[in-house]
């Protein structure tokens, strides 16, 4: 059984994921970009990293986060996080 601290940490992480997804949706709307199409390349990269390394969603994103492309662009970070969230729990 998880301790309360671990459960609270997971809840906070999930809340941040949803906040990030909402921010990505808002940005796409403001820029007249199709949200799902914008996320597609990020989703494809996450899936490729998962398959190549035989790992799950979050470890794949952690691996991606080590890349220069991820680290140098706040936009890429936002869209990778949104793509991960959509993969784990698709929005309507």
PDB file of N, CA and C in Angstrom:
ATOM      1  N   UNK A   1       0.843  -1.183   0.000  1.00  0.00           N
ATOM      2  CA  UNK A   1       0.000   0.000   0.000  1.00  0.00           C
ATOM      3  C   UNK A   1       0.888   1.245   0.000  1.00  0.00           C
ATOM      4  N   UNK A   2       0.503   2.238  -0.771  1.00  0.00           N
ATOM      5  CA  UNK A   2       1.271   3.475  -0.847  1.00  0.00           C
ATOM      6  C   UNK A   2       1.002   4.342   0.360  1.00  0.00           C
ATOM      7  N   UNK A   3       2.029   5.093   0.735  1.00  0.00           N
ATOM      8  CA  UNK A   3       1.834   6.066   1.792  1.00  0.00           C
ATOM      9  C   UNK A   3       1.093   7.273   1.260  1.00  0.00           C
ATOM     10  N   UNK A   4       0.585   8.076   2.172  1.00  0.00           N
ATOM     11  CA  UNK A   4      -0.159   9.267   1.764  1.00  0.00           C
ATOM     12  C   UNK A   4       0.732  10.214   0.972  1.00  0.00           C
ATOM     13  N   UNK A   5       1.992  10.320   1.347  1.00  0.00           N
ATOM     14  CA  UNK A   5       2.910  11.205   0.630  1.00  0.00           C
ATOM     15  C   UNK A   5       3.076  10.803  -0.825  1.00  0.00           C
ATOM     16  N   UNK A   6       3.216   9.506  -1.076  1.00  0.00           N
ATOM     17  CA  UNK A   6       3.380   9.012  -2.449  1.00  0.00           C
ATOM     18  C   UNK A   6       2.109   9.244  -3.256  1.00  0.00           C
ATOM     19  N   UNK A   7       0.958   9.005  -2.651  1.00  0.00           N
ATOM     20  CA  UNK A   7      -0.311   9.210  -3.347  1.00  0.00           C
ATOM     21  C   UNK A   7      -0.511  10.692  -3.671  1.00  0.00           C
ATOM     22  N   UNK A   8      -0.187  11.548  -2.728  1.00  0.00           N
ATOM     23  CA  UNK A   8      -0.317  12.993  -2.956  1.00  0.00           C
ATOM     24  C   UNK A   8       0.604  13.441  -4.091  1.00  0.00           C
ATOM     25  N   UNK A   9       1.810  12.901  -4.131  1.00  0.00           N
ATOM     26  CA  UNK A   9       2.758  13.236  -5.200  1.00  0.00           C
ATOM     27  C   UNK A   9       2.200  12.824  -6.560  1.00  0.00           C
ATOM     28  N   UNK A  10       1.611  11.627  -6.642  1.00  0.00           N
ATOM     29  CA  UNK A  10       1.020  11.161  -7.897  1.00  0.00           C
ATOM     30  C   UNK A  10      -0.150  12.037  -8.318  1.00  0.00           C
ATOM     31  N   UNK A  11      -0.981  12.422  -7.369  1.00  0.00           N
ATOM     32  CA  UNK A  11      -2.132  13.285  -7.673  1.00  0.00           C
ATOM     33  C   UNK A  11      -1.659  14.633  -8.199  1.00  0.00           C
ATOM     34  N   UNK A  12      -0.646  15.193  -7.578  1.00  0.00           N
ATOM     35  CA  UNK A  12      -0.099  16.475  -8.042  1.00  0.00           C
ATOM     36  C   UNK A  12       0.484  16.352  -9.444  1.00  0.00           C
ATOM     37  N   UNK A  13       1.168  15.240  -9.716  1.00  0.00           N
ATOM     38  CA  UNK A  13       1.753  15.039 -11.032  1.00  0.00           C
ATOM     39  C   UNK A  13       0.665  14.945 -12.099  1.00  0.00           C
ATOM     40  N   UNK A  14      -0.383  14.193 -11.815  1.00  0.00           N
ATOM     41  CA  UNK A  14      -1.485  14.059 -12.771  1.00  0.00           C
ATOM     42  C   UNK A  14      -2.156  15.413 -13.000  1.00  0.00           C
ATOM     43  N   UNK A  15      -2.335  16.187 -11.928  1.00  0.00           N
ATOM     44  CA  UNK A  15      -2.935  17.520 -12.070  1.00  0.00           C
ATOM     45  C   UNK A  15      -2.074  18.403 -12.974  1.00  0.00           C
ATOM     46  N   UNK A  16      -0.758  18.335 -12.823  1.00  0.00           N
ATOM     47  CA  UNK A  16       0.145  19.121 -13.682  1.00  0.00           C
ATOM     48  C   UNK A  16       0.044  18.667 -15.136  1.00  0.00           C
ATOM     49  N   UNK A  17      -0.111  17.363 -15.335  1.00  0.00           N
ATOM     50  CA  UNK A  17      -0.251  16.859 -16.701  1.00  0.00           C
ATOM     51  C   UNK A  17      -1.502  17.431 -17.352  1.00  0.00           C
ATOM     52  N   UNK A  18      -2.610  17.456 -16.608  1.00  0.00           N
ATOM     53  CA  UNK A  18      -3.845  18.013 -17.155  1.00  0.00           C
ATOM     54  C   UNK A  18      -3.705  19.517 -17.401  1.00  0.00           C
ATOM     55  N   UNK A  19      -3.045  20.213 -16.508  1.00  0.00           N
ATOM     56  CA  UNK A  19      -2.824  21.654 -16.692  1.00  0.00           C
ATOM     57  C   UNK A  19      -2.011  21.906 -17.960  1.00  0.00           C
ATOM     58  N   UNK A  20      -0.995  21.084 -18.170  1.00  0.00           N
ATOM     59  CA  UNK A  20      -0.149  21.230 -19.353  1.00  0.00           C
ATOM     60  C   UNK A  20      -0.949  20.959 -20.618  1.00  0.00           C
ATOM     61  N   UNK A  21      -1.789  19.920 -20.576  1.00  0.00           N
ATOM     62  CA  UNK A  21      -2.624  19.619 -21.739  1.00  0.00           C
ATOM     63  C   UNK A  21      -3.568  20.780 -22.029  1.00  0.00           C
ATOM     64  N   UNK A  22      -4.163  21.339 -20.995  1.00  0.00           N
ATOM     65  CA  UNK A  22      -5.072  22.476 -21.189  1.00  0.00           C
ATOM     66  C   UNK A  22      -4.339  23.677 -21.772  1.00  0.00           C
ATOM     67  N   UNK A  23      -3.108  23.906 -21.316  1.00  0.00           N
ATOM     68  CA  UNK A  23      -2.310  25.019 -21.845  1.00  0.00           C
ATOM     69  C   UNK A  23      -2.000  24.797 -23.324  1.00  0.00           C
ATOM     70  N   UNK A  24      -1.676  23.561 -23.693  1.00  0.00           N
ATOM     71  CA  UNK A  24      -1.391  23.254 -25.095  1.00  0.00           C
ATOM     72  C   UNK A  24      -2.632  23.460 -25.956  1.00  0.00           C
ATOM     73  N   UNK A  25      -3.779  23.034 -25.457  1.00  0.00           N
ATOM     74  CA  UNK A  25      -5.030  23.247 -26.193  1.00  0.00           C
ATOM     75  C   UNK A  25      -5.301  24.735 -26.393  1.00  0.00           C
ATOM     76  N   UNK A  26      -5.098  25.518 -25.338  1.00  0.00           N
ATOM     77  CA  UNK A  26      -5.327  26.968 -25.417  1.00  0.00           C
ATOM     78  C   UNK A  26      -4.379  27.614 -26.416  1.00  0.00           C
ATOM     79  N   UNK A  27      -3.111  27.217 -26.378  1.00  0.00           N
ATOM     80  CA  UNK A  27      -2.134  27.771 -27.313  1.00  0.00           C
ATOM     81  C   UNK A  27      -2.517  27.445 -28.751  1.00  0.00           C
ATOM     82  N   UNK A  28      -2.899  26.217 -28.996  1.00  0.00           N
ATOM     83  CA  UNK A  28      -3.312  25.838 -30.349  1.00  0.00           C
ATOM     84  C   UNK A  28      -4.519  26.645 -30.802  1.00  0.00           C
ATOM     85  N   UNK A  29      -5.463  26.826 -29.911  1.00  0.00           N
ATOM     86  CA  UNK A  29      -6.661  27.597 -30.257  1.00  0.00           C
ATOM     87  C   UNK A  29      -6.286  29.043 -30.596  1.00  0.00           C
ATOM     88  N   UNK A  30      -5.418  29.646 -29.782  1.00  0.00           N
ATOM     89  CA  UNK A  30      -4.995  31.040 -30.021  1.00  0.00           C
ATOM     90  C   UNK A  30      -4.243  31.178 -31.338  1.00  0.00           C
ATOM     91  N   UNK A  31      -3.493  30.132 -31.710  1.00  0.00           N
ATOM     92  CA  UNK A  31      -2.679  30.181 -32.932  1.00  0.00           C
ATOM     93  C   UNK A  31      -3.408  29.594 -34.153  1.00  0.00           C
ATOM     94  N   UNK A  32      -4.690  29.262 -33.979  1.00  0.00           N
ATOM     95  CA  UNK A  32      -5.473  28.620 -35.048  1.00  0.00           C
ATOM     96  C   UNK A  32      -4.797  27.354 -35.574  1.00  0.00           C
ATOM     97  N   UNK A  33      -4.274  26.554 -34.636  1.00  0.00           N
ATOM     98  CA  UNK A  33      -3.626  25.294 -34.981  1.00  0.00           C
ATOM     99  C   UNK A  33      -4.546  24.148 -34.563  1.00  0.00           C
ATOM    100  N   UNK A  34      -4.561  23.088 -35.338  1.00  0.00           N
ATOM    101  CA  UNK A  34      -5.326  21.907 -34.982  1.00  0.00           C
ATOM    102  C   UNK A  34      -4.575  21.163 -33.874  1.00  0.00           C
ATOM    103  N   UNK A  35      -5.203  21.045 -32.729  1.00  0.00           N
ATOM    104  CA  UNK A  35      -4.563  20.458 -31.540  1.00  0.00           C
ATOM    105  C   UNK A  35      -4.064  19.042 -31.800  1.00  0.00           C
ATOM    106  N   UNK A  36      -4.926  18.182 -32.308  1.00  0.00           N
ATOM    107  CA  UNK A  36      -4.553  16.779 -32.533  1.00  0.00           C
ATOM    108  C   UNK A  36      -3.429  16.659 -33.563  1.00  0.00           C
ATOM    109  N   UNK A  37      -3.495  17.447 -34.622  1.00  0.00           N
ATOM    110  CA  UNK A  37      -2.449  17.410 -35.650  1.00  0.00           C
ATOM    111  C   UNK A  37      -1.124  17.951 -35.105  1.00  0.00           C
ATOM    112  N   UNK A  38      -1.202  18.962 -34.252  1.00  0.00           N
ATOM    113  CA  UNK A  38       0.002  19.531 -33.650  1.00  0.00           C
ATOM    114  C   UNK A  38       0.710  18.490 -32.785  1.00  0.00           C
ATOM    115  N   UNK A  39      -0.062  17.686 -32.065  1.00  0.00           N
ATOM    116  CA  UNK A  39       0.520  16.692 -31.166  1.00  0.00           C
ATOM    117  C   UNK A  39       1.055  15.456 -31.881  1.00  0.00           C
ATOM    118  N   UNK A  40       0.597  15.209 -33.095  1.00  0.00           N
ATOM    119  CA  UNK A  40       0.947  13.964 -33.781  1.00  0.00           C
ATOM    120  C   UNK A  40       2.449  13.685 -33.833  1.00  0.00           C
ATOM    121  N   UNK A  41       3.303  14.618 -34.245  1.00  0.00           N
ATOM    122  CA  UNK A  41       4.736  14.284 -34.283  1.00  0.00           C
ATOM    123  C   UNK A  41       5.315  13.982 -32.897  1.00  0.00           C
ATOM    124  N   UNK A  42       4.797  14.647 -31.882  1.00  0.00           N
ATOM    125  CA  UNK A  42       5.267  14.404 -30.514  1.00  0.00           C
ATOM    126  C   UNK A  42       4.828  13.018 -30.034  1.00  0.00           C
ATOM    127  N   UNK A  43       3.596  12.664 -30.355  1.00  0.00           N
ATOM    128  CA  UNK A  43       3.081  11.343 -30.014  1.00  0.00           C
ATOM    129  C   UNK A  43       3.888  10.265 -30.722  1.00  0.00           C
ATOM    130  N   UNK A  44       4.192  10.501 -32.000  1.00  0.00           N
ATOM    131  CA  UNK A  44       4.970   9.523 -32.774  1.00  0.00           C
ATOM    132  C   UNK A  44       6.356   9.309 -32.167  1.00  0.00           C
ATOM    133  N   UNK A  45       6.981  10.383 -31.719  1.00  0.00           N
ATOM    134  CA  UNK A  45       8.312  10.273 -31.108  1.00  0.00           C
ATOM    135  C   UNK A  45       8.228   9.495 -29.794  1.00  0.00           C
ATOM    136  N   UNK A  46       7.239   9.810 -28.973  1.00  0.00           N
ATOM    137  CA  UNK A  46       7.079   9.085 -27.703  1.00  0.00           C
ATOM    138  C   UNK A  46       6.882   7.599 -27.968  1.00  0.00           C
ATOM    139  N   UNK A  47       6.017   7.273 -28.928  1.00  0.00           N
ATOM    140  CA  UNK A  47       5.771   5.864 -29.261  1.00  0.00           C
ATOM    141  C   UNK A  47       7.041   5.178 -29.762  1.00  0.00           C
ATOM    142  N   UNK A  48       7.818   5.886 -30.573  1.00  0.00           N
ATOM    143  CA  UNK A  48       9.055   5.309 -31.104  1.00  0.00           C
ATOM    144  C   UNK A  48      10.060   5.042 -29.983  1.00  0.00           C
ATOM    145  N   UNK A  49      10.178   5.971 -29.044  1.00  0.00           N
ATOM    146  CA  UNK A  49      11.095   5.791 -27.914  1.00  0.00           C
ATOM    147  C   UNK A  49      10.619   4.638 -27.031  1.00  0.00           C
ATOM    148  N   UNK A  50       9.307   4.558 -26.826  1.00  0.00           N
ATOM    149  CA  UNK A  50       8.758   3.449 -26.043  1.00  0.00           C
ATOM    150  C   UNK A  50       9.104   2.104 -26.687  1.00  0.00           C
ATOM    151  N   UNK A  51       8.889   2.005 -27.993  1.00  0.00           N
ATOM    152  CA  UNK A  51       9.131   0.753 -28.701  1.00  0.00           C
ATOM    153  C   UNK A  51      10.623   0.408 -28.745  1.00  0.00           C
ATOM    154  N   UNK A  52      11.443   1.394 -29.041  1.00  0.00           N
ATOM    155  CA  UNK A  52      12.879   1.146 -29.170  1.00  0.00           C
ATOM    156  C   UNK A  52      13.521   0.721 -27.851  1.00  0.00           C
ATOM    157  N   UNK A  53      12.996   1.248 -26.759  1.00  0.00           N
ATOM    158  CA  UNK A  53      13.589   0.975 -25.452  1.00  0.00           C
ATOM    159  C   UNK A  53      12.770   0.016 -24.599  1.00  0.00           C
ATOM    160  N   UNK A  54      11.620  -0.413 -25.147  1.00  0.00           N
ATOM    161  CA  UNK A  54      10.712  -1.308 -24.420  1.00  0.00           C
ATOM    162  C   UNK A  54      10.377  -0.758 -23.035  1.00  0.00           C
ATOM    163  N   UNK A  55       9.924   0.514 -23.045  1.00  0.00           N
ATOM    164  CA  UNK A  55       9.574   1.200 -21.804  1.00  0.00           C
ATOM    165  C   UNK A  55       8.187   1.812 -21.921  1.00  0.00           C
ATOM    166  N   UNK A  56       7.642   2.225 -20.799  1.00  0.00           N
ATOM    167  CA  UNK A  56       6.307   2.817 -20.743  1.00  0.00           C
ATOM    168  C   UNK A  56       6.370   4.317 -21.051  1.00  0.00           C
ATOM    169  N   UNK A  57       5.200   4.956 -20.994  1.00  0.00           N
ATOM    170  CA  UNK A  57       5.040   6.365 -21.359  1.00  0.00           C
ATOM    171  C   UNK A  57       5.973   7.317 -20.607  1.00  0.00           C
ATOM    172  N   UNK A  58       5.875   7.323 -19.293  1.00  0.00           N
ATOM    173  CA  UNK A  58       6.627   8.307 -18.505  1.00  0.00           C
ATOM    174  C   UNK A  58       8.134   8.089 -18.626  1.00  0.00           C
ATOM    175  N   UNK A  59       8.646   6.851 -18.517  1.00  0.00           N
ATOM    176  CA  UNK A  59      10.087   6.679 -18.749  1.00  0.00           C
ATOM    177  C   UNK A  59      10.525   7.134 -20.147  1.00  0.00           C
ATOM    178  N   UNK A  60       9.648   6.968 -21.133  1.00  0.00           N
ATOM    179  CA  UNK A  60       9.978   7.430 -22.486  1.00  0.00           C
ATOM    180  C   UNK A  60      10.111   8.952 -22.511  1.00  0.00           C
ATOM    181  N   UNK A  61       9.186   9.642 -21.860  1.00  0.00           N
ATOM    182  CA  UNK A  61       9.276  11.103 -21.820  1.00  0.00           C
ATOM    183  C   UNK A  61      10.522  11.547 -21.055  1.00  0.00           C
ATOM    184  N   UNK A  62      10.858  10.849 -19.996  1.00  0.00           N
ATOM    185  CA  UNK A  62      12.071  11.191 -19.248  1.00  0.00           C
ATOM    186  C   UNK A  62      13.300  11.034 -20.131  1.00  0.00           C
ATOM    187  N   UNK A  63      13.329  10.003 -20.952  1.00  0.00           N
ATOM    188  CA  UNK A  63      14.443   9.801 -21.886  1.00  0.00           C
ATOM    189  C   UNK A  63      14.476  10.936 -22.909  1.00  0.00           C
ATOM    190  N   UNK A  64      13.319  11.296 -23.443  1.00  0.00           N
ATOM    191  CA  UNK A  64      13.231  12.392 -24.415  1.00  0.00           C
ATOM    192  C   UNK A  64      13.680  13.703 -23.783  1.00  0.00           C
ATOM    193  N   UNK A  65      13.356  13.891 -22.504  1.00  0.00           N
ATOM    194  CA  UNK A  65      13.679  15.155 -21.828  1.00  0.00           C
ATOM    195  C   UNK A  65      15.182  15.397 -21.708  1.00  0.00           C
ATOM    196  N   UNK A  66      15.967  14.365 -21.936  1.00  0.00           N
ATOM    197  CA  UNK A  66      17.424  14.512 -21.909  1.00  0.00           C
ATOM    198  C   UNK A  66      17.966  15.092 -23.212  1.00  0.00           C
ATOM    199  N   UNK A  67      17.128  15.161 -24.237  1.00  0.00           N
ATOM    200  CA  UNK A  67      17.585  15.617 -25.550  1.00  0.00           C
ATOM    201  C   UNK A  67      17.688  17.134 -25.616  1.00  0.00           C
ATOM    202  N   UNK A  68      18.559  17.599 -26.487  1.00  0.00           N
ATOM    203  CA  UNK A  68      18.749  19.035 -26.704  1.00  0.00           C
ATOM    204  C   UNK A  68      17.468  19.673 -27.250  1.00  0.00           C
ATOM    205  N   UNK A  69      16.803  18.977 -28.159  1.00  0.00           N
ATOM    206  CA  UNK A  69      15.563  19.494 -28.753  1.00  0.00           C
ATOM    207  C   UNK A  69      14.532  19.792 -27.673  1.00  0.00           C
ATOM    208  N   UNK A  70      14.395  18.899 -26.717  1.00  0.00           N
ATOM    209  CA  UNK A  70      13.438  19.078 -25.622  1.00  0.00           C
ATOM    210  C   UNK A  70      13.873  20.218 -24.715  1.00  0.00           C
ATOM    211  N   UNK A  71      15.121  20.217 -24.333  1.00  0.00           N
ATOM    212  CA  UNK A  71      15.616  21.172 -23.350  1.00  0.00           C
ATOM    213  C   UNK A  71      15.644  22.611 -23.855  1.00  0.00           C
ATOM    214  N   UNK A  72      15.802  22.792 -25.156  1.00  0.00           N
ATOM    215  CA  UNK A  72      15.950  24.147 -25.695  1.00  0.00           C
ATOM    216  C   UNK A  72      14.632  24.798 -26.092  1.00  0.00           C
ATOM    217  N   UNK A  73      13.519  24.102 -25.960  1.00  0.00           N
ATOM    218  CA  UNK A  73      12.257  24.676 -26.429  1.00  0.00           C
ATOM    219  C   UNK A  73      11.132  24.422 -25.434  1.00  0.00           C
ATOM    220  N   UNK A  74      10.650  25.498 -24.843  1.00  0.00           N
ATOM    221  CA  UNK A  74       9.503  25.392 -23.954  1.00  0.00           C
ATOM    222  C   UNK A  74       8.278  24.876 -24.692  1.00  0.00           C
ATOM    223  N   UNK A  75       8.152  25.253 -25.957  1.00  0.00           N
ATOM    224  CA  UNK A  75       7.026  24.767 -26.765  1.00  0.00           C
ATOM    225  C   UNK A  75       7.079  23.265 -26.945  1.00  0.00           C
ATOM    226  N   UNK A  76       8.279  22.745 -27.242  1.00  0.00           N
ATOM    227  CA  UNK A  76       8.423  21.291 -27.375  1.00  0.00           C
ATOM    228  C   UNK A  76       8.089  20.598 -26.066  1.00  0.00           C
ATOM    229  N   UNK A  77       8.539  21.149 -24.955  1.00  0.00           N
ATOM    230  CA  UNK A  77       8.240  20.561 -23.648  1.00  0.00           C
ATOM    231  C   UNK A  77       6.731  20.511 -23.425  1.00  0.00           C
ATOM    232  N   UNK A  78       6.058  21.604 -23.729  1.00  0.00           N
ATOM    233  CA  UNK A  78       4.609  21.676 -23.565  1.00  0.00           C
ATOM    234  C   UNK A  78       3.902  20.619 -24.409  1.00  0.00           C
ATOM    235  N   UNK A  79       4.286  20.523 -25.687  1.00  0.00           N
ATOM    236  CA  UNK A  79       3.600  19.602 -26.584  1.00  0.00           C
ATOM    237  C   UNK A  79       3.959  18.143 -26.299  1.00  0.00           C
ATOM    238  N   UNK A  80       5.182  17.857 -25.865  1.00  0.00           N
ATOM    239  CA  UNK A  80       5.509  16.486 -25.457  1.00  0.00           C
ATOM    240  C   UNK A  80       4.666  16.079 -24.248  1.00  0.00           C
ATOM    241  N   UNK A  81       4.547  16.971 -23.274  1.00  0.00           N
ATOM    242  CA  UNK A  81       3.748  16.661 -22.080  1.00  0.00           C
ATOM    243  C   UNK A  81       2.278  16.473 -22.442  1.00  0.00           C
ATOM    244  N   UNK A  82       1.764  17.339 -23.309  1.00  0.00           N
ATOM    245  CA  UNK A  82       0.365  17.216 -23.736  1.00  0.00           C
ATOM    246  C   UNK A  82       0.160  15.906 -24.490  1.00  0.00           C
ATOM    247  N   UNK A  83       1.099  15.552 -25.352  1.00  0.00           N
ATOM    248  CA  UNK A  83       0.993  14.300 -26.110  1.00  0.00           C
ATOM    249  C   UNK A  83       1.006  13.100 -25.164  1.00  0.00           C
ATOM    250  N   UNK A  84       1.884  13.146 -24.177  1.00  0.00           N
ATOM    251  CA  UNK A  84       1.940  12.065 -23.198  1.00  0.00           C
ATOM    252  C   UNK A  84       0.610  11.937 -22.463  1.00  0.00           C
ATOM    253  N   UNK A  85       0.055  13.062 -22.048  1.00  0.00           N
ATOM    254  CA  UNK A  85      -1.220  13.056 -21.331  1.00  0.00           C
ATOM    255  C   UNK A  85      -2.324  12.482 -22.211  1.00  0.00           C
ATOM    256  N   UNK A  86      -2.354  12.888 -23.478  1.00  0.00           N
ATOM    257  CA  UNK A  86      -3.360  12.366 -24.410  1.00  0.00           C
ATOM    258  C   UNK A  86      -3.205  10.861 -24.610  1.00  0.00           C
ATOM    259  N   UNK A  87      -1.982  10.380 -24.632  1.00  0.00           N
ATOM    260  CA  UNK A  87      -1.747   8.946 -24.811  1.00  0.00           C
ATOM    261  C   UNK A  87      -2.251   8.173 -23.588  1.00  0.00           C
ATOM    262  N   UNK A  88      -2.071   8.743 -22.433  1.00  0.00           N
ATOM    263  CA  UNK A  88      -2.454   8.062 -21.194  1.00  0.00           C
ATOM    264  C   UNK A  88      -3.943   8.198 -20.893  1.00  0.00           C
ATOM    265  N   UNK A  89      -4.489   9.362 -21.217  1.00  0.00           N
ATOM    266  CA  UNK A  89      -5.906   9.624 -20.969  1.00  0.00           C
ATOM    267  C   UNK A  89      -6.416  10.610 -22.022  1.00  0.00           C
ATOM    268  N   UNK A  90      -6.899  10.084 -23.140  1.00  0.00           N
ATOM    269  CA  UNK A  90      -7.351  10.960 -24.236  1.00  0.00           C
ATOM    270  C   UNK A  90      -8.490  11.893 -23.813  1.00  0.00           C
ATOM    271  N   UNK A  91      -8.405  13.122 -24.310  1.00  0.00           N
ATOM    272  CA  UNK A  91      -9.485  14.084 -24.041  1.00  0.00           C
ATOM    273  C   UNK A  91     -10.580  13.906 -25.072  1.00  0.00           C
ATOM    274  N   UNK A  92     -11.699  14.542 -24.814  1.00  0.00           N
ATOM    275  CA  UNK A  92     -12.853  14.428 -25.717  1.00  0.00           C
ATOM    276  C   UNK A  92     -12.659  15.296 -26.938  1.00  0.00           C
TER     277      UNK A  92
END
